[in-house]
Amino acid sequence: MGMKLSHFNFDLPKELLAEYPAENRDEARLMVLNRKTQTIEHKLFKDLIDYFDADDVMVLNNTKVFPARLYGNKEKTGARIEVFLLRELNSETRLWDVLVDPARKIRIGNKLYFGDDESLVAEVIDNTTSRGRTLRFLYDGSYQEFRNKLTELGETPLPKYIKREVEPEDAERYQTIFAKEEGAVAAPTAGLHFSKHLLKRLEIKGLNFAEVTLHVGLGTFSPVEVEDLSKHKMDSEEAYIHAPATATINNAIKENRRICAVGTTVMRALESSVSSNHTLNEFSGWTNKFIFPPYDFSIANCMITNFHTPKSTLMMMVSAFAGHDFMKEAYEEAVKEKYKFYSYGDAMLII
């Protein structure tokens, strides 16, 4: 049956979960894994420039996180309800797919009020899952004013494992510096380590950049609950790969350059749109691709990624890329050397 869920379990001490990011973006730690020599080096993130040459390509995910977490009050009881915006279903009728917490109190027909002036109201239209609801937002104003209102009332959707309150800095730090296309509910975290200064240095060295968009959904954090990985269903995420990116990347494939996927989200987008002759096609739509070992990668031959939690689909993908045994060794080393894990944690470069 191949790889099982239990192959991806390891002991992760609680204190290695990063509550805060590194003080400077590009000074997080960087573990470098060389697949050819099977060696591990310990560096800082900004040292990654030493592993690239002119005309190598970095592929970035330019998705932008929107402030998806809102707090409202239930009509009559005034109970405080967290509403997590997952995706917009219809912009004209302002229907949204959301998660609510606590969920048992929120039934079809209930109204929720947001903001001190209660100018934003939502009505529960449907139950989708135990915590999932469809809401219709009621707001006097144009679509743009409505979206501005959501942004004003929402807060940065830091992952649940971060137990502290959201701080003003998070709005900037939980966003890559190349974020443009709004639509993610979680940051593509490998990209958080790039500073303007480091991007500039890479550019001066002659690297090329390609941008793709994959709107990270909460499914990224969904636990795998089946021992047989071939039975796990990934949540779909929206992705776009446009002509400029395919041109840059296919040219690099032809010239045998290093093509570095910055993050598992980029890797997923790229692998969701491979042509029969192993080049990249343009793409616009949804992907539910699940990558776990063994897997043959077609586009990127190098990747940057954070340290992932045990049994996560993200860890499975990087194991497929680096080799399961090598990854196991790297993670043991990371725990021993006290690397920080997860969204605000340290990074790994696999070449």
Protein backbone atom coordinates (compact mmCIF):
# COMPACT_ATOMS: atom_id res chain seq x y z
CA MET A 1 0.00 0.00 0.00
CA GLY A 2 3.06 2.30 0.05
CA MET A 3 3.31 5.22 2.42
CA LYS A 4 1.10 5.38 5.46
CA LEU A 5 0.07 8.27 7.68
CA SER A 6 2.18 6.89 10.55
CA HIS A 7 5.33 7.29 8.45
CA PHE A 8 4.96 11.06 8.91
CA ASN A 9 4.65 11.18 12.65
CA PHE A 10 7.37 12.62 14.89
CA ASP A 11 7.59 14.26 18.29
CA LEU A 12 7.43 18.02 17.99
CA PRO A 13 8.07 19.83 21.28
CA LYS A 14 5.43 22.53 21.86
CA GLU A 15 8.01 25.25 22.38
CA LEU A 16 9.25 24.89 18.78
CA LEU A 17 5.95 26.22 17.38
CA ALA A 18 6.73 29.81 16.43
CA GLU A 19 4.41 32.33 18.08
CA TYR A 20 6.28 35.28 16.52
CA PRO A 21 8.26 35.69 13.28
CA ALA A 22 12.02 36.34 13.18
CA GLU A 23 12.83 39.99 13.89
CA ASN A 24 14.07 40.52 10.32
CA ARG A 25 12.36 38.55 7.57
CA ASP A 26 15.52 37.28 5.90
CA GLU A 27 17.28 36.38 9.15
CA ALA A 28 15.19 33.36 9.97
CA ARG A 29 17.31 30.23 10.06
CA LEU A 30 17.72 28.19 6.90
CA MET A 31 18.46 24.49 6.76
CA VAL A 32 19.92 23.53 3.38
CA LEU A 33 19.35 19.97 2.17
CA ASN A 34 21.40 18.75 -0.75
CA ARG A 35 19.70 15.72 -2.29
CA LYS A 36 22.71 14.72 -4.37
CA THR A 37 25.25 14.66 -1.53
CA GLN A 38 22.65 13.89 1.18
CA THR A 39 24.17 16.62 3.35
CA ILE A 40 22.58 19.17 5.68
CA GLU A 41 23.90 22.69 6.30
CA HIS A 42 22.76 25.36 8.76
CA LYS A 43 22.55 28.92 7.42
CA LEU A 44 20.47 32.09 7.60
CA PHE A 45 17.72 32.68 5.07
CA LYS A 46 19.59 35.48 3.30
CA ASP A 47 22.44 33.04 2.57
CA LEU A 48 20.27 31.29 0.00
CA ILE A 49 21.60 33.70 -2.62
CA ASP A 50 24.84 31.64 -2.59
CA TYR A 51 22.99 28.62 -4.01
CA PHE A 52 21.70 30.35 -7.15
CA ASP A 53 23.15 31.69 -10.38
CA ALA A 54 22.06 34.15 -13.06
CA ASP A 55 19.04 32.92 -15.04
CA ASP A 56 17.88 30.53 -12.34
CA VAL A 57 14.19 31.06 -11.59
CA MET A 58 12.34 31.66 -8.35
CA VAL A 59 8.63 30.99 -8.54
CA LEU A 60 6.61 33.06 -6.06
CA ASN A 61 2.97 32.82 -4.98
CA ASN A 62 1.57 36.36 -5.18
CA THR A 63 -1.67 35.60 -3.34
CA LYS A 64 -2.69 38.11 -0.68
CA VAL A 65 -4.22 37.18 2.65
CA PHE A 66 -7.46 38.96 3.43
CA PRO A 67 -8.51 39.69 7.03
CA ALA A 68 -10.79 36.67 7.17
CA ARG A 69 -11.60 36.49 10.88
CA LEU A 70 -14.58 38.54 12.05
CA TYR A 71 -16.33 38.70 15.40
CA GLY A 72 -20.05 39.29 15.48
CA ASN A 73 -22.91 39.13 17.95
CA LYS A 74 -25.90 36.90 17.65
CA GLU A 75 -29.27 38.67 17.60
CA LYS A 76 -31.27 38.55 20.87
CA THR A 77 -28.63 36.73 22.96
CA GLY A 78 -25.70 38.95 21.92
CA ALA A 79 -23.38 35.92 22.15
CA ARG A 80 -19.94 36.58 20.61
CA ILE A 81 -19.46 34.48 17.49
CA GLU A 82 -16.29 34.07 15.46
CA VAL A 83 -16.96 34.03 11.71
CA PHE A 84 -14.11 32.86 9.51
CA LEU A 85 -14.60 33.84 5.85
CA LEU A 86 -13.56 30.98 3.59
CA ARG A 87 -14.69 32.14 0.17
CA GLU A 88 -17.10 34.37 -1.62
CA LEU A 89 -19.77 32.35 -3.42
CA ASN A 90 -21.57 35.19 -5.18
CA SER A 91 -20.52 38.83 -5.25
CA GLU A 92 -23.95 40.13 -6.29
CA THR A 93 -25.95 38.46 -3.55
CA ARG A 94 -23.00 38.68 -1.11
CA LEU A 95 -23.12 35.00 -0.25
CA TRP A 96 -20.10 33.61 1.59
CA ASP A 97 -18.91 30.22 2.68
CA VAL A 98 -17.79 30.59 6.33
CA LEU A 99 -16.92 28.69 9.50
CA VAL A 100 -18.61 29.73 12.75
CA ASP A 101 -17.49 29.17 16.31
CA PRO A 102 -19.23 28.17 18.56
CA ALA A 103 -21.24 26.48 15.86
CA ARG A 104 -24.00 24.69 17.74
CA LYS A 105 -25.80 27.96 18.47
CA ILE A 106 -25.86 29.15 14.87
CA ARG A 107 -28.88 27.92 12.92
CA ILE A 108 -30.50 28.75 9.59
CA GLY A 109 -32.42 32.02 9.88
CA ASN A 110 -30.22 33.46 12.66
CA LYS A 111 -28.84 36.97 12.20
CA LEU A 112 -25.35 38.11 13.22
CA TYR A 113 -24.39 41.76 13.75
CA PHE A 114 -20.89 43.17 13.18
CA GLY A 115 -19.16 46.40 14.15
CA ASP A 116 -19.98 48.81 16.98
CA ASP A 117 -22.69 50.42 14.89
CA GLU A 118 -24.00 47.02 13.71
CA SER A 119 -24.02 48.39 10.16
CA LEU A 120 -23.05 44.99 8.78
CA VAL A 121 -25.53 42.15 9.25
CA ALA A 122 -25.36 38.53 8.09
CA GLU A 123 -28.16 36.04 7.81
CA VAL A 124 -27.52 32.29 8.02
CA ILE A 125 -28.84 30.71 4.81
CA ASP A 126 -27.53 27.14 5.01
CA ASN A 127 -25.54 24.58 7.01
CA THR A 128 -22.70 23.07 4.99
CA THR A 129 -20.71 21.08 7.58
CA SER A 130 -20.70 20.87 11.37
CA ARG A 131 -18.96 24.25 11.57
CA GLY A 132 -19.61 25.45 8.02
CA ARG A 133 -22.41 27.87 7.14
CA THR A 134 -23.50 29.91 4.13
CA LEU A 135 -24.08 33.56 5.10
CA ARG A 136 -25.74 36.34 3.17
CA PHE A 137 -24.31 39.75 4.12
CA LEU A 138 -26.65 42.72 4.24
CA TYR A 139 -24.99 46.10 3.88
CA ASP A 140 -26.16 49.46 2.52
CA GLY A 141 -23.48 50.38 0.06
CA SER A 142 -21.72 49.42 -3.15
CA TYR A 143 -19.81 46.15 -3.51
CA GLN A 144 -16.50 47.99 -3.00
CA GLU A 145 -17.80 49.66 0.17
CA PHE A 146 -18.95 46.28 1.40
CA ARG A 147 -15.50 44.76 0.77
CA ASN A 148 -13.86 47.74 2.53
CA LYS A 149 -16.18 47.15 5.48
CA LEU A 150 -15.12 43.49 5.69
CA THR A 151 -11.48 44.56 5.62
CA GLU A 152 -12.07 47.16 8.31
CA LEU A 153 -13.88 44.72 10.63
CA GLY A 154 -11.75 41.65 9.94
CA GLU A 155 -8.48 40.70 11.58
CA THR A 156 -5.41 38.91 10.26
CA PRO A 157 -6.26 35.19 10.27
CA LEU A 158 -3.25 33.90 12.19
CA PRO A 159 -3.36 30.10 12.43
CA LYS A 160 -5.15 28.70 15.49
CA TYR A 161 -1.95 27.28 16.99
CA ILE A 162 -0.81 30.84 17.78
CA LYS A 163 -2.46 31.35 21.14
CA ARG A 164 -1.65 35.04 21.60
CA GLU A 165 -3.85 37.93 20.52
CA VAL A 166 -3.33 39.35 17.03
CA GLU A 167 -1.04 42.40 17.16
CA PRO A 168 -0.89 45.35 14.71
CA GLU A 169 2.44 44.11 13.26
CA ASP A 170 0.80 40.86 12.18
CA ALA A 171 -1.11 42.60 9.40
CA GLU A 172 2.21 43.31 7.71
CA ARG A 173 4.26 40.28 8.81
CA TYR A 174 1.65 37.65 7.90
CA GLN A 175 1.78 38.89 4.30
CA THR A 176 4.57 38.37 1.77
CA ILE A 177 6.11 41.56 0.38
CA PHE A 178 5.02 40.47 -3.13
CA ALA A 179 1.37 39.82 -2.21
CA LYS A 180 -1.03 41.32 -4.78
CA GLU A 181 -3.98 39.06 -5.62
CA GLU A 182 -6.38 39.00 -2.67
CA GLY A 183 -7.98 35.67 -1.88
CA ALA A 184 -5.99 33.58 0.61
CA VAL A 185 -7.07 32.82 4.18
CA ALA A 186 -3.56 31.73 5.14
CA ALA A 187 -0.19 33.06 4.03
CA PRO A 188 2.08 31.09 1.68
CA THR A 189 4.58 30.96 4.51
CA ALA A 190 7.84 30.16 2.69
CA GLY A 191 7.48 33.52 0.97
CA LEU A 192 7.31 35.39 4.28
CA HIS A 193 11.12 35.18 4.57
CA PHE A 194 11.87 37.36 1.56
CA SER A 195 12.79 40.97 2.34
CA LYS A 196 12.92 43.77 -0.23
CA HIS A 197 16.68 43.85 0.23
CA LEU A 198 17.10 40.12 -0.49
CA LEU A 199 14.85 40.28 -3.57
CA LYS A 200 16.94 43.18 -4.84
CA ARG A 201 20.18 41.25 -4.30
CA LEU A 202 18.77 38.21 -6.14
CA GLU A 203 17.70 40.46 -9.01
CA ILE A 204 21.17 42.05 -9.23
CA LYS A 205 22.68 38.56 -9.36
CA GLY A 206 20.55 37.94 -12.46
CA LEU A 207 17.83 35.64 -11.15
CA ASN A 208 14.48 35.63 -12.89
CA PHE A 209 11.19 35.64 -11.04
CA ALA A 210 7.90 34.07 -12.08
CA GLU A 211 4.67 34.69 -10.18
CA VAL A 212 1.78 32.29 -9.90
CA THR A 213 -1.32 32.61 -7.75
CA LEU A 214 -2.70 29.93 -5.47
CA HIS A 215 -5.25 31.13 -2.95
CA VAL A 216 -4.39 29.17 0.17
CA GLY A 217 -7.49 27.73 1.84
CA LEU A 218 -7.98 26.40 5.34
CA GLY A 219 -7.70 22.91 3.88
CA THR A 220 -3.95 23.47 4.15
CA PHE A 221 -4.34 22.88 7.88
CA SER A 222 -6.81 19.96 7.61
CA PRO A 223 -5.52 16.89 9.38
CA VAL A 224 -5.20 13.66 7.41
CA GLU A 225 -7.48 11.12 9.04
CA VAL A 226 -6.87 8.02 6.93
CA GLU A 227 -3.92 5.66 7.35
CA ASP A 228 -3.96 4.85 3.60
CA LEU A 229 -2.88 8.14 1.99
CA SER A 230 -4.41 7.29 -1.39
CA LYS A 231 -7.83 7.70 0.28
CA HIS A 232 -7.24 11.27 1.54
CA LYS A 233 -9.21 14.00 -0.24
CA MET A 234 -7.60 17.44 -0.48
CA ASP A 235 -9.70 20.60 -0.36
CA SER A 236 -9.71 22.46 -3.66
CA GLU A 237 -7.89 25.77 -3.95
CA GLU A 238 -8.11 28.37 -6.68
CA ALA A 239 -5.00 28.81 -8.84
CA TYR A 240 -3.81 30.90 -11.78
CA ILE A 241 -0.72 30.51 -13.92
CA HIS A 242 -0.44 33.12 -16.67
CA ALA A 243 1.63 33.28 -19.87
CA PRO A 244 4.58 35.35 -18.53
CA ALA A 245 5.21 32.73 -15.83
CA THR A 246 4.96 29.76 -18.19
CA ALA A 247 7.35 31.46 -20.65
CA THR A 248 9.97 32.17 -17.95
CA ILE A 249 9.71 28.69 -16.43
CA ASN A 250 9.62 26.71 -19.70
CA ASN A 251 12.65 28.61 -20.92
CA ALA A 252 14.51 27.67 -17.73
CA ILE A 253 13.49 24.02 -18.17
CA LYS A 254 14.94 24.10 -21.70
CA GLU A 255 18.19 25.60 -20.40
CA ASN A 256 18.49 23.22 -17.45
CA ARG A 257 18.42 26.04 -14.90
CA ARG A 258 17.53 25.80 -11.28
CA ILE A 259 13.78 26.36 -10.87
CA CYS A 260 12.89 26.99 -7.26
CA ALA A 261 9.32 26.67 -6.01
CA VAL A 262 8.96 29.06 -3.09
CA GLY A 263 6.60 27.05 -0.93
CA THR A 264 4.37 24.00 -1.13
CA THR A 265 1.59 26.16 -2.60
CA VAL A 266 3.73 27.05 -5.61
CA MET A 267 4.74 23.41 -6.01
CA ARG A 268 1.09 22.35 -5.98
CA ALA A 269 0.10 24.96 -8.54
CA LEU A 270 2.97 23.99 -10.87
CA GLU A 271 2.31 20.26 -10.62
CA SER A 272 -1.40 20.83 -11.30
CA SER A 273 -0.66 22.05 -14.82
CA VAL A 274 2.03 19.90 -16.47
CA SER A 275 1.93 19.16 -20.20
CA SER A 276 2.60 15.70 -21.64
CA ASN A 277 6.15 16.74 -22.49
CA HIS A 278 6.85 17.94 -18.94
CA THR A 279 6.57 21.67 -19.47
CA LEU A 280 4.22 24.09 -17.73
CA ASN A 281 0.80 24.98 -19.13
CA GLU A 282 -1.24 28.07 -18.30
CA PHE A 283 -3.90 27.35 -15.72
CA SER A 284 -6.99 28.98 -14.35
CA GLY A 285 -9.31 27.09 -12.03
CA TRP A 286 -9.27 24.85 -8.99
CA THR A 287 -6.78 22.22 -7.93
CA ASN A 288 -7.16 19.46 -5.36
CA LYS A 289 -3.86 17.78 -6.16
CA PHE A 290 -2.40 15.79 -3.26
CA ILE A 291 1.33 15.06 -3.53
CA PHE A 292 2.85 12.33 -1.35
CA PRO A 293 5.71 9.85 -1.83
CA PRO A 294 6.53 8.35 -4.24
CA TYR A 295 5.99 11.17 -6.75
CA ASP A 296 7.86 12.40 -9.82
CA PHE A 297 8.10 16.19 -9.97
CA SER A 298 8.04 17.72 -13.45
CA ILE A 299 8.72 21.43 -13.14
CA ALA A 300 10.66 22.63 -10.07
CA ASN A 301 14.00 21.04 -9.18
CA CYS A 302 14.49 22.99 -5.98
CA MET A 303 12.17 24.24 -3.25
CA ILE A 304 11.97 26.51 -0.22
CA THR A 305 9.58 25.52 2.53
CA ASN A 306 8.97 25.96 6.24
CA PHE A 307 9.07 23.21 8.86
CA HIS A 308 5.72 21.46 8.98
CA THR A 309 3.73 19.76 11.67
CA PRO A 310 3.60 15.97 12.04
CA LYS A 311 1.29 14.04 9.69
CA SER A 312 0.47 17.17 7.63
CA THR A 313 -0.01 17.03 3.84
CA LEU A 314 2.73 19.68 3.60
CA MET A 315 5.26 17.40 5.25
CA MET A 316 4.21 14.61 2.88
CA MET A 317 4.89 16.78 -0.14
CA VAL A 318 8.36 17.82 1.01
CA SER A 319 9.14 14.17 1.81
CA ALA A 320 8.18 13.27 -1.73
CA PHE A 321 10.57 15.95 -2.98
CA ALA A 322 13.57 15.31 -0.72
CA GLY A 323 13.13 11.58 -0.16
CA HIS A 324 11.38 10.17 2.88
CA ASP A 325 14.43 8.95 4.81
CA PHE A 326 16.45 12.11 4.16
CA MET A 327 13.50 14.24 5.31
CA LYS A 328 13.11 12.16 8.48
CA GLU A 329 16.78 12.77 9.26
CA ALA A 330 16.43 16.51 8.54
CA TYR A 331 13.43 16.84 10.86
CA GLU A 332 15.23 15.00 13.66
CA GLU A 333 18.11 17.44 13.20
CA ALA A 334 15.68 20.40 13.17
CA VAL A 335 14.16 19.36 16.50
CA LYS A 336 17.61 18.77 18.00
CA GLU A 337 18.85 22.18 16.77
CA LYS A 338 15.63 23.87 17.94
CA TYR A 339 14.50 25.22 14.58
CA LYS A 340 11.15 26.98 14.78
CA PHE A 341 8.23 25.23 13.11
CA TYR A 342 5.09 26.23 11.25
CA SER A 343 3.77 29.49 9.78
CA TYR A 344 6.06 31.97 11.54
CA GLY A 345 8.93 29.51 11.75
CA ASP A 346 12.28 28.89 10.07
CA ALA A 347 12.90 27.70 6.51
CA MET A 348 14.43 24.88 4.54
CA LEU A 349 16.02 24.98 1.09
CA ILE A 350 16.04 21.65 -0.76
CA ILE A 351 18.37 21.53 -3.77
